[in-house]
């Protein structure tokens, strides 16, 4: 920076000298009283000054080229670092997005966790309320799961839950549906805009898909892993709250268990409170 400032001052001085030389030459050339010897003397002096100024300008041009080259290298380095910074920022954003997704997933089963379920159900309830649209909920429970854990061990039980989670994810075909782990061996599926007839068919398909895995369950009278399913639906209005839907699906689940498990029970469309 000091060298650059010095070069700038030198250039300004040279330009000032050139301007003074030109002014002096013009004055002498226009003065008719100046003798020829004086003119020759001034000419030699001005020629020397001119040649000196030219040499200085050549040096300054070289210095300017050096500075220009350095500036180009600095600019290239800045662009390279900016590219690296943008790439690092992209990776950070991707990592944050992945972390955000992981914070909403159940680590064992891969479906949404309870936190995500609660938030999503509330979100869909408010959306359905604005549209006066139906909203359905399925709650399912692995049959005789405590017996399974006691007999086969928790690792086997965890593997069973993982396969149930995979089956639920494979069963969901609509973009707005959400499968979640409700707690322990209970799972839930949020189904916006689902009609009752379709809901019953979907719940039965899920039950059959899990039974179709043929996972051995010696502590169950069915011999394989099965689930009991409770389903409920409501056309959301100001006369209801979201816990009404959860309670209805939970009650239907209880009915399925009371009826012998490994079946689907559909809650009646509950009326306004």
C-alpha atoms as a PDB file:
ATOM      1  CA  UNK A   1       0.000   0.000   0.000  1.00  0.00           C
ATOM      2  CA  UNK A   2       2.894   2.393   0.825  1.00  0.00           C
ATOM      3  CA  UNK A   3       4.570   1.662  -2.533  1.00  0.00           C
ATOM      4  CA  UNK A   4       1.288   2.249  -4.348  1.00  0.00           C
ATOM      5  CA  UNK A   5       0.792   5.589  -2.577  1.00  0.00           C
ATOM      6  CA  UNK A   6       4.358   6.651  -3.403  1.00  0.00           C
ATOM      7  CA  UNK A   7       3.880   5.761  -7.076  1.00  0.00           C
ATOM      8  CA  UNK A   8       0.665   7.769  -7.128  1.00  0.00           C
ATOM      9  CA  UNK A   9       2.439  10.825  -5.698  1.00  0.00           C
ATOM     10  CA  UNK A  10       5.281  10.420  -8.211  1.00  0.00           C
ATOM     11  CA  UNK A  11       2.825  10.277 -11.083  1.00  0.00           C
ATOM     12  CA  UNK A  12       1.057  13.385  -9.859  1.00  0.00           C
ATOM     13  CA  UNK A  13       4.410  15.177  -9.584  1.00  0.00           C
ATOM     14  CA  UNK A  14       5.387  14.180 -13.129  1.00  0.00           C
ATOM     15  CA  UNK A  15       2.103  15.396 -14.528  1.00  0.00           C
ATOM     16  CA  UNK A  16       2.531  18.658 -12.620  1.00  0.00           C
ATOM     17  CA  UNK A  17       6.064  19.053 -14.035  1.00  0.00           C
ATOM     18  CA  UNK A  18       4.829  18.408 -17.553  1.00  0.00           C
ATOM     19  CA  UNK A  19       2.139  21.019 -17.155  1.00  0.00           C
ATOM     20  CA  UNK A  20       4.703  23.553 -15.822  1.00  0.00           C
ATOM     21  CA  UNK A  21       7.105  22.734 -18.664  1.00  0.00           C
ATOM     22  CA  UNK A  22       4.388  23.192 -21.279  1.00  0.00           C
ATOM     23  CA  UNK A  23       3.322  26.506 -19.747  1.00  0.00           C
ATOM     24  CA  UNK A  24       6.925  27.772 -19.667  1.00  0.00           C
ATOM     25  CA  UNK A  25       7.566  26.684 -23.271  1.00  0.00           C
ATOM     26  CA  UNK A  26       4.447  28.463 -24.448  1.00  0.00           C
ATOM     27  CA  UNK A  27       5.439  31.628 -22.630  1.00  0.00           C
ATOM     28  CA  UNK A  28       8.971  31.711 -24.131  1.00  0.00           C
ATOM     29  CA  UNK A  29       7.745  30.863 -27.627  1.00  0.00           C
ATOM     30  CA  UNK A  30       5.282  33.763 -27.557  1.00  0.00           C
ATOM     31  CA  UNK A  31       7.788  36.297 -26.153  1.00  0.00           C
ATOM     32  CA  UNK A  32       9.334  38.191 -29.141  1.00  0.00           C
ATOM     33  CA  UNK A  33      12.034  39.695 -26.925  1.00  0.00           C
ATOM     34  CA  UNK A  34      13.675  36.371 -26.079  1.00  0.00           C
ATOM     35  CA  UNK A  35      17.060  35.994 -27.795  1.00  0.00           C
ATOM     36  CA  UNK A  36      17.869  32.878 -29.899  1.00  0.00           C
ATOM     37  CA  UNK A  37      20.554  31.743 -27.425  1.00  0.00           C
ATOM     38  CA  UNK A  38      18.033  31.896 -24.653  1.00  0.00           C
ATOM     39  CA  UNK A  39      15.575  29.932 -26.771  1.00  0.00           C
ATOM     40  CA  UNK A  40      18.178  27.221 -27.491  1.00  0.00           C
ATOM     41  CA  UNK A  41      19.061  27.060 -23.811  1.00  0.00           C
ATOM     42  CA  UNK A  42      15.430  26.694 -22.862  1.00  0.00           C
ATOM     43  CA  UNK A  43      14.906  24.132 -25.594  1.00  0.00           C
ATOM     44  CA  UNK A  44      17.758  21.950 -24.264  1.00  0.00           C
ATOM     45  CA  UNK A  45      16.413  22.309 -20.716  1.00  0.00           C
ATOM     46  CA  UNK A  46      12.885  21.438 -21.801  1.00  0.00           C
ATOM     47  CA  UNK A  47      14.154  18.479 -23.857  1.00  0.00           C
ATOM     48  CA  UNK A  48      15.965  17.084 -20.836  1.00  0.00           C
ATOM     49  CA  UNK A  49      12.904  17.519 -18.662  1.00  0.00           C
ATOM     50  CA  UNK A  50      10.771  15.873 -21.298  1.00  0.00           C
ATOM     51  CA  UNK A  51      13.064  12.844 -21.645  1.00  0.00           C
ATOM     52  CA  UNK A  52      13.220  12.541 -17.859  1.00  0.00           C
ATOM     53  CA  UNK A  53       9.430  12.662 -17.659  1.00  0.00           C
ATOM     54  CA  UNK A  54       9.133   9.980 -20.358  1.00  0.00           C
ATOM     55  CA  UNK A  55      11.531   7.674 -18.456  1.00  0.00           C
ATOM     56  CA  UNK A  56       9.545   8.216 -15.276  1.00  0.00           C
ATOM     57  CA  UNK A  57       6.286   7.453 -17.077  1.00  0.00           C
ATOM     58  CA  UNK A  58       7.771   4.230 -18.451  1.00  0.00           C
ATOM     59  CA  UNK A  59       8.717   3.205 -14.919  1.00  0.00           C
ATOM     60  CA  UNK A  60       5.278   4.125 -13.628  1.00  0.00           C
ATOM     61  CA  UNK A  61       3.652   2.146 -16.438  1.00  0.00           C
ATOM     62  CA  UNK A  62       5.646  -0.910 -15.350  1.00  0.00           C
ATOM     63  CA  UNK A  63       4.649  -0.373 -11.731  1.00  0.00           C
ATOM     64  CA  UNK A  64       1.033   0.039 -12.816  1.00  0.00           C
ATOM     65  CA  UNK A  65       1.202  -3.255 -14.738  1.00  0.00           C
ATOM     66  CA  UNK A  66       2.588  -4.986 -11.640  1.00  0.00           C
ATOM     67  CA  UNK A  67      -0.203  -3.564  -9.492  1.00  0.00           C
ATOM     68  CA  UNK A  68      -2.789  -4.575 -12.102  1.00  0.00           C
ATOM     69  CA  UNK A  69      -1.448  -8.127 -12.113  1.00  0.00           C
ATOM     70  CA  UNK A  70      -1.557  -8.249  -8.333  1.00  0.00           C
ATOM     71  CA  UNK A  71      -5.112  -6.904  -8.308  1.00  0.00           C
ATOM     72  CA  UNK A  72      -6.192  -9.562 -10.793  1.00  0.00           C
ATOM     73  CA  UNK A  73      -4.665 -12.285  -8.618  1.00  0.00           C
ATOM     74  CA  UNK A  74      -6.373 -10.838  -5.533  1.00  0.00           C
ATOM     75  CA  UNK A  75      -9.683 -10.696  -7.405  1.00  0.00           C
ATOM     76  CA  UNK A  76      -9.305 -14.317  -8.528  1.00  0.00           C
ATOM     77  CA  UNK A  77      -8.510 -15.355  -4.966  1.00  0.00           C
ATOM     78  CA  UNK A  78     -11.571 -13.486  -3.667  1.00  0.00           C
ATOM     79  CA  UNK A  79     -13.776 -15.156  -6.274  1.00  0.00           C
ATOM     80  CA  UNK A  80     -12.338 -18.556  -5.340  1.00  0.00           C
ATOM     81  CA  UNK A  81     -12.987 -17.934  -1.644  1.00  0.00           C
ATOM     82  CA  UNK A  82     -16.490 -16.648  -2.379  1.00  0.00           C
ATOM     83  CA  UNK A  83     -17.184 -19.841  -4.326  1.00  0.00           C
ATOM     84  CA  UNK A  84     -15.901 -21.912  -1.399  1.00  0.00           C
ATOM     85  CA  UNK A  85     -18.000 -19.878   1.011  1.00  0.00           C
ATOM     86  CA  UNK A  86     -21.150 -20.314  -1.095  1.00  0.00           C
ATOM     87  CA  UNK A  87     -20.472 -24.065  -1.325  1.00  0.00           C
ATOM     88  CA  UNK A  88     -19.939 -24.285   2.441  1.00  0.00           C
ATOM     89  CA  UNK A  89     -23.145 -22.325   3.012  1.00  0.00           C
ATOM     90  CA  UNK A  90     -25.042 -24.698   0.713  1.00  0.00           C
ATOM     91  CA  UNK A  91     -23.683 -27.704   2.619  1.00  0.00           C
ATOM     92  CA  UNK A  92     -24.614 -26.072   5.907  1.00  0.00           C
ATOM     93  CA  UNK A  93     -28.155 -25.402   4.722  1.00  0.00           C
ATOM     94  CA  UNK A  94     -28.463 -28.999   3.532  1.00  0.00           C
ATOM     95  CA  UNK A  95     -27.141 -30.262   6.882  1.00  0.00           C
ATOM     96  CA  UNK A  96     -29.593 -28.029   8.757  1.00  0.00           C
ATOM     97  CA  UNK A  97     -32.457 -29.287   6.603  1.00  0.00           C
ATOM     98  CA  UNK A  98     -31.407 -32.885   7.227  1.00  0.00           C
ATOM     99  CA  UNK A  99     -31.150 -32.185  10.953  1.00  0.00           C
ATOM    100  CA  UNK A 100     -34.571 -30.544  10.884  1.00  0.00           C
ATOM    101  CA  UNK A 101     -36.049 -33.605   9.160  1.00  0.00           C
ATOM    102  CA  UNK A 102     -34.372 -35.917  11.652  1.00  0.00           C
ATOM    103  CA  UNK A 103     -35.790 -33.919  14.552  1.00  0.00           C
ATOM    104  CA  UNK A 104     -39.278 -34.822  13.298  1.00  0.00           C
ATOM    105  CA  UNK A 105     -38.623 -38.528  12.727  1.00  0.00           C
ATOM    106  CA  UNK A 106     -38.822 -41.467  15.083  1.00  0.00           C
ATOM    107  CA  UNK A 107     -35.318 -42.926  15.125  1.00  0.00           C
ATOM    108  CA  UNK A 108     -36.434 -46.557  15.381  1.00  0.00           C
ATOM    109  CA  UNK A 109     -39.294 -46.780  12.893  1.00  0.00           C
ATOM    110  CA  UNK A 110     -38.568 -43.967  10.415  1.00  0.00           C
ATOM    111  CA  UNK A 111     -42.090 -42.546  10.642  1.00  0.00           C
ATOM    112  CA  UNK A 112     -42.860 -39.133  12.127  1.00  0.00           C
ATOM    113  CA  UNK A 113     -42.361 -38.775  15.866  1.00  0.00           C
ATOM    114  CA  UNK A 114     -45.001 -37.680  18.369  1.00  0.00           C
ATOM    115  CA  UNK A 115     -43.912 -34.056  18.224  1.00  0.00           C
ATOM    116  CA  UNK A 116     -44.386 -33.918  14.470  1.00  0.00           C
ATOM    117  CA  UNK A 117     -47.687 -35.760  14.737  1.00  0.00           C
ATOM    118  CA  UNK A 118     -49.098 -33.268  17.240  1.00  0.00           C
ATOM    119  CA  UNK A 119     -48.007 -30.283  15.152  1.00  0.00           C
ATOM    120  CA  UNK A 120     -49.236 -31.762  11.890  1.00  0.00           C
ATOM    121  CA  UNK A 121     -52.614 -32.838  13.265  1.00  0.00           C
ATOM    122  CA  UNK A 122     -53.163 -29.354  14.667  1.00  0.00           C
ATOM    123  CA  UNK A 123     -52.119 -27.793  11.350  1.00  0.00           C
ATOM    124  CA  UNK A 124     -54.467 -30.022   9.343  1.00  0.00           C
ATOM    125  CA  UNK A 125     -57.294 -29.410  11.809  1.00  0.00           C
ATOM    126  CA  UNK A 126     -57.018 -25.653  11.308  1.00  0.00           C
ATOM    127  CA  UNK A 127     -56.823 -26.097   7.527  1.00  0.00           C
ATOM    128  CA  UNK A 128     -59.900 -28.359   7.520  1.00  0.00           C
ATOM    129  CA  UNK A 129     -61.721 -25.847   9.726  1.00  0.00           C
ATOM    130  CA  UNK A 130     -61.147 -23.082   7.174  1.00  0.00           C
ATOM    131  CA  UNK A 131     -62.460 -25.313   4.385  1.00  0.00           C
ATOM    132  CA  UNK A 132     -65.156 -27.068   6.441  1.00  0.00           C
ATOM    133  CA  UNK A 133     -63.515 -30.266   5.144  1.00  0.00           C
ATOM    134  CA  UNK A 134     -63.315 -33.800   6.563  1.00  0.00           C
ATOM    135  CA  UNK A 135     -60.303 -34.921   8.562  1.00  0.00           C
ATOM    136  CA  UNK A 136     -59.642 -38.550   9.500  1.00  0.00           C
ATOM    137  CA  UNK A 137     -57.375 -40.245  11.998  1.00  0.00           C
ATOM    138  CA  UNK A 138     -56.268 -43.851  12.325  1.00  0.00           C
ATOM    139  CA  UNK A 139     -54.698 -45.166  15.523  1.00  0.00           C
ATOM    140  CA  UNK A 140     -53.320 -48.683  15.564  1.00  0.00           C
ATOM    141  CA  UNK A 141     -51.760 -50.774  18.295  1.00  0.00           C
ATOM    142  CA  UNK A 142     -49.555 -53.868  17.962  1.00  0.00           C
ATOM    143  CA  UNK A 143     -51.463 -56.752  19.521  1.00  0.00           C
ATOM    144  CA  UNK A 144     -50.000 -58.421  22.625  1.00  0.00           C
ATOM    145  CA  UNK A 145     -46.792 -56.430  22.301  1.00  0.00           C
ATOM    146  CA  UNK A 146     -45.840 -56.654  25.979  1.00  0.00           C
ATOM    147  CA  UNK A 147     -46.072 -60.426  25.775  1.00  0.00           C
ATOM    148  CA  UNK A 148     -43.903 -60.333  22.651  1.00  0.00           C
ATOM    149  CA  UNK A 149     -41.206 -58.321  24.430  1.00  0.00           C
ATOM    150  CA  UNK A 150     -41.297 -60.571  27.474  1.00  0.00           C
ATOM    151  CA  UNK A 151     -41.044 -63.733  25.382  1.00  0.00           C
ATOM    152  CA  UNK A 152     -38.729 -62.725  22.506  1.00  0.00           C
ATOM    153  CA  UNK A 153     -36.838 -59.773  23.987  1.00  0.00           C
ATOM    154  CA  UNK A 154     -36.790 -56.048  23.344  1.00  0.00           C
ATOM    155  CA  UNK A 155     -34.492 -56.268  20.330  1.00  0.00           C
ATOM    156  CA  UNK A 156     -36.974 -58.514  18.567  1.00  0.00           C
ATOM    157  CA  UNK A 157     -39.780 -56.169  19.604  1.00  0.00           C
ATOM    158  CA  UNK A 158     -37.891 -53.201  18.191  1.00  0.00           C
ATOM    159  CA  UNK A 159     -37.393 -55.010  14.896  1.00  0.00           C
ATOM    160  CA  UNK A 160     -41.133 -55.703  14.749  1.00  0.00           C
ATOM    161  CA  UNK A 161     -41.907 -52.014  15.296  1.00  0.00           C
ATOM    162  CA  UNK A 162     -39.424 -51.062  12.590  1.00  0.00           C
ATOM    163  CA  UNK A 163     -41.171 -53.326  10.086  1.00  0.00           C
ATOM    164  CA  UNK A 164     -44.565 -51.930  11.087  1.00  0.00           C
ATOM    165  CA  UNK A 165     -43.231 -48.417  10.449  1.00  0.00           C
ATOM    166  CA  UNK A 166     -41.942 -49.420   7.009  1.00  0.00           C
ATOM    167  CA  UNK A 167     -45.304 -50.958   6.163  1.00  0.00           C
ATOM    168  CA  UNK A 168     -47.170 -47.815   7.173  1.00  0.00           C
ATOM    169  CA  UNK A 169     -44.888 -45.647   5.053  1.00  0.00           C
ATOM    170  CA  UNK A 170     -45.439 -47.963   2.083  1.00  0.00           C
ATOM    171  CA  UNK A 171     -49.208 -47.851   2.622  1.00  0.00           C
ATOM    172  CA  UNK A 172     -49.423 -44.068   2.338  1.00  0.00           C
ATOM    173  CA  UNK A 173     -50.094 -43.006  -1.223  1.00  0.00           C
ATOM    174  CA  UNK A 174     -51.374 -39.427  -0.868  1.00  0.00           C
ATOM    175  CA  UNK A 175     -49.035 -36.486  -0.381  1.00  0.00           C
ATOM    176  CA  UNK A 176     -50.910 -35.026   2.585  1.00  0.00           C
ATOM    177  CA  UNK A 177     -51.095 -38.218   4.661  1.00  0.00           C
ATOM    178  CA  UNK A 178     -48.764 -38.650   7.621  1.00  0.00           C
ATOM    179  CA  UNK A 179     -47.773 -41.805   9.516  1.00  0.00           C
ATOM    180  CA  UNK A 180     -46.372 -41.330  13.003  1.00  0.00           C
ATOM    181  CA  UNK A 181     -45.347 -43.241  16.067  1.00  0.00           C
ATOM    182  CA  UNK A 182     -47.939 -42.272  18.624  1.00  0.00           C
ATOM    183  CA  UNK A 183     -46.192 -43.868  21.583  1.00  0.00           C
ATOM    184  CA  UNK A 184     -44.671 -47.229  22.439  1.00  0.00           C
ATOM    185  CA  UNK A 185     -46.300 -49.809  20.153  1.00  0.00           C
ATOM    186  CA  UNK A 186     -49.011 -47.377  18.993  1.00  0.00           C
ATOM    187  CA  UNK A 187     -48.969 -45.671  15.612  1.00  0.00           C
ATOM    188  CA  UNK A 188     -51.218 -43.037  14.055  1.00  0.00           C
ATOM    189  CA  UNK A 189     -52.025 -41.883  10.529  1.00  0.00           C
ATOM    190  CA  UNK A 190     -53.434 -38.437   9.736  1.00  0.00           C
ATOM    191  CA  UNK A 191     -55.627 -38.475   6.614  1.00  0.00           C
ATOM    192  CA  UNK A 192     -56.886 -35.082   5.388  1.00  0.00           C
ATOM    193  CA  UNK A 193     -59.954 -34.963   3.131  1.00  0.00           C
ATOM    194  CA  UNK A 194     -60.656 -38.679   3.622  1.00  0.00           C
ATOM    195  CA  UNK A 195     -64.227 -39.916   3.244  1.00  0.00           C
ATOM    196  CA  UNK A 196     -65.594 -42.581   5.601  1.00  0.00           C
ATOM    197  CA  UNK A 197     -65.902 -45.378   3.039  1.00  0.00           C
ATOM    198  CA  UNK A 198     -62.358 -44.895   1.805  1.00  0.00           C
ATOM    199  CA  UNK A 199     -61.080 -44.585   5.395  1.00  0.00           C
ATOM    200  CA  UNK A 200     -62.472 -47.993   6.355  1.00  0.00           C
ATOM    201  CA  UNK A 201     -60.974 -49.582   3.252  1.00  0.00           C
ATOM    202  CA  UNK A 202     -57.587 -47.965   3.894  1.00  0.00           C
ATOM    203  CA  UNK A 203     -57.504 -49.044   7.549  1.00  0.00           C
ATOM    204  CA  UNK A 204     -58.309 -52.620   6.564  1.00  0.00           C
ATOM    205  CA  UNK A 205     -55.553 -52.592   3.940  1.00  0.00           C
ATOM    206  CA  UNK A 206     -53.059 -51.471   6.599  1.00  0.00           C
ATOM    207  CA  UNK A 207     -54.171 -54.232   8.974  1.00  0.00           C
ATOM    208  CA  UNK A 208     -53.868 -56.887   6.286  1.00  0.00           C
ATOM    209  CA  UNK A 209     -50.476 -55.568   5.127  1.00  0.00           C
ATOM    210  CA  UNK A 210     -49.022 -55.889   8.633  1.00  0.00           C
ATOM    211  CA  UNK A 211     -50.514 -59.342   9.176  1.00  0.00           C
ATOM    212  CA  UNK A 212     -49.184 -60.268   5.743  1.00  0.00           C
ATOM    213  CA  UNK A 213     -45.618 -59.709   6.937  1.00  0.00           C
ATOM    214  CA  UNK A 214     -46.019 -63.036   8.761  1.00  0.00           C
ATOM    215  CA  UNK A 215     -43.757 -61.927  11.601  1.00  0.00           C
ATOM    216  CA  UNK A 216     -43.738 -64.755  14.168  1.00  0.00           C
ATOM    217  CA  UNK A 217     -45.506 -63.879  17.436  1.00  0.00           C
ATOM    218  CA  UNK A 218     -45.729 -66.947  19.653  1.00  0.00           C
ATOM    219  CA  UNK A 219     -47.413 -65.002  22.449  1.00  0.00           C
ATOM    220  CA  UNK A 220     -50.380 -64.134  20.196  1.00  0.00           C
ATOM    221  CA  UNK A 221     -53.299 -66.455  19.487  1.00  0.00           C
ATOM    222  CA  UNK A 222     -52.894 -65.508  15.814  1.00  0.00           C
ATOM    223  CA  UNK A 223     -49.297 -66.799  15.723  1.00  0.00           C
ATOM    224  CA  UNK A 224     -48.090 -63.752  13.767  1.00  0.00           C
ATOM    225  CA  UNK A 225     -47.799 -60.053  14.466  1.00  0.00           C
ATOM    226  CA  UNK A 226     -51.146 -58.272  14.073  1.00  0.00           C
ATOM    227  CA  UNK A 227     -52.582 -54.863  14.872  1.00  0.00           C
ATOM    228  CA  UNK A 228     -55.849 -53.520  16.153  1.00  0.00           C
ATOM    229  CA  UNK A 229     -57.037 -50.400  14.374  1.00  0.00           C
ATOM    230  CA  UNK A 230     -59.336 -47.588  15.381  1.00  0.00           C
ATOM    231  CA  UNK A 231     -60.460 -45.003  12.833  1.00  0.00           C
ATOM    232  CA  UNK A 232     -62.498 -41.832  13.051  1.00  0.00           C
ATOM    233  CA  UNK A 233     -63.474 -38.982  10.768  1.00  0.00           C
ATOM    234  CA  UNK A 234     -65.220 -35.652  11.177  1.00  0.00           C
ATOM    235  CA  UNK A 235     -66.159 -32.677   9.058  1.00  0.00           C
ATOM    236  CA  UNK A 236     -64.332 -30.045  11.061  1.00  0.00           C
ATOM    237  CA  UNK A 237     -66.356 -27.131  12.399  1.00  0.00           C
ATOM    238  CA  UNK A 238     -66.199 -24.607  15.205  1.00  0.00           C
ATOM    239  CA  UNK A 239     -68.291 -26.988  17.304  1.00  0.00           C
ATOM    240  CA  UNK A 240     -65.399 -29.447  17.592  1.00  0.00           C
ATOM    241  CA  UNK A 241     -61.803 -29.437  18.821  1.00  0.00           C
ATOM    242  CA  UNK A 242     -58.975 -31.628  17.646  1.00  0.00           C
ATOM    243  CA  UNK A 243     -59.008 -33.723  20.808  1.00  0.00           C
ATOM    244  CA  UNK A 244     -62.540 -34.867  19.842  1.00  0.00           C
ATOM    245  CA  UNK A 245     -61.083 -36.615  16.807  1.00  0.00           C
ATOM    246  CA  UNK A 246     -58.261 -38.206  18.818  1.00  0.00           C
ATOM    247  CA  UNK A 247     -60.705 -39.413  21.465  1.00  0.00           C
ATOM    248  CA  UNK A 248     -63.023 -40.908  18.843  1.00  0.00           C
ATOM    249  CA  UNK A 249     -60.197 -42.813  17.125  1.00  0.00           C
ATOM    250  CA  UNK A 250     -58.881 -43.995  20.490  1.00  0.00           C
ATOM    251  CA  UNK A 251     -62.334 -45.204  21.491  1.00  0.00           C
ATOM    252  CA  UNK A 252     -62.637 -47.094  18.212  1.00  0.00           C
ATOM    253  CA  UNK A 253     -59.256 -48.702  18.894  1.00  0.00           C
ATOM    254  CA  UNK A 254     -60.490 -49.834  22.295  1.00  0.00           C
ATOM    255  CA  UNK A 255     -63.547 -51.358  20.639  1.00  0.00           C
ATOM    256  CA  UNK A 256     -61.331 -53.288  18.200  1.00  0.00           C
ATOM    257  CA  UNK A 257     -59.338 -54.702  21.104  1.00  0.00           C
ATOM    258  CA  UNK A 258     -62.471 -55.608  23.047  1.00  0.00           C
ATOM    259  CA  UNK A 259     -63.843 -57.423  20.015  1.00  0.00           C
ATOM    260  CA  UNK A 260     -60.829 -59.747  19.866  1.00  0.00           C
ATOM    261  CA  UNK A 261     -58.000 -57.636  18.325  1.00  0.00           C
ATOM    262  CA  UNK A 262     -56.612 -57.972  14.801  1.00  0.00           C
ATOM    263  CA  UNK A 263     -59.490 -56.000  13.374  1.00  0.00           C
ATOM    264  CA  UNK A 264     -60.642 -52.499  12.405  1.00  0.00           C
ATOM    265  CA  UNK A 265     -63.257 -50.507  14.261  1.00  0.00           C
ATOM    266  CA  UNK A 266     -64.707 -47.300  12.852  1.00  0.00           C
ATOM    267  CA  UNK A 267     -66.015 -44.645  15.213  1.00  0.00           C
ATOM    268  CA  UNK A 268     -69.428 -43.233  14.333  1.00  0.00           C
ATOM    269  CA  UNK A 269     -69.395 -39.721  12.914  1.00  0.00           C
ATOM    270  CA  UNK A 270     -69.621 -37.734  16.087  1.00  0.00           C
ATOM    271  CA  UNK A 271     -72.153 -34.956  16.195  1.00  0.00           C
ATOM    272  CA  UNK A 272     -71.741 -31.393  17.341  1.00  0.00           C
ATOM    273  CA  UNK A 273     -71.187 -30.978  21.033  1.00  0.00           C
END
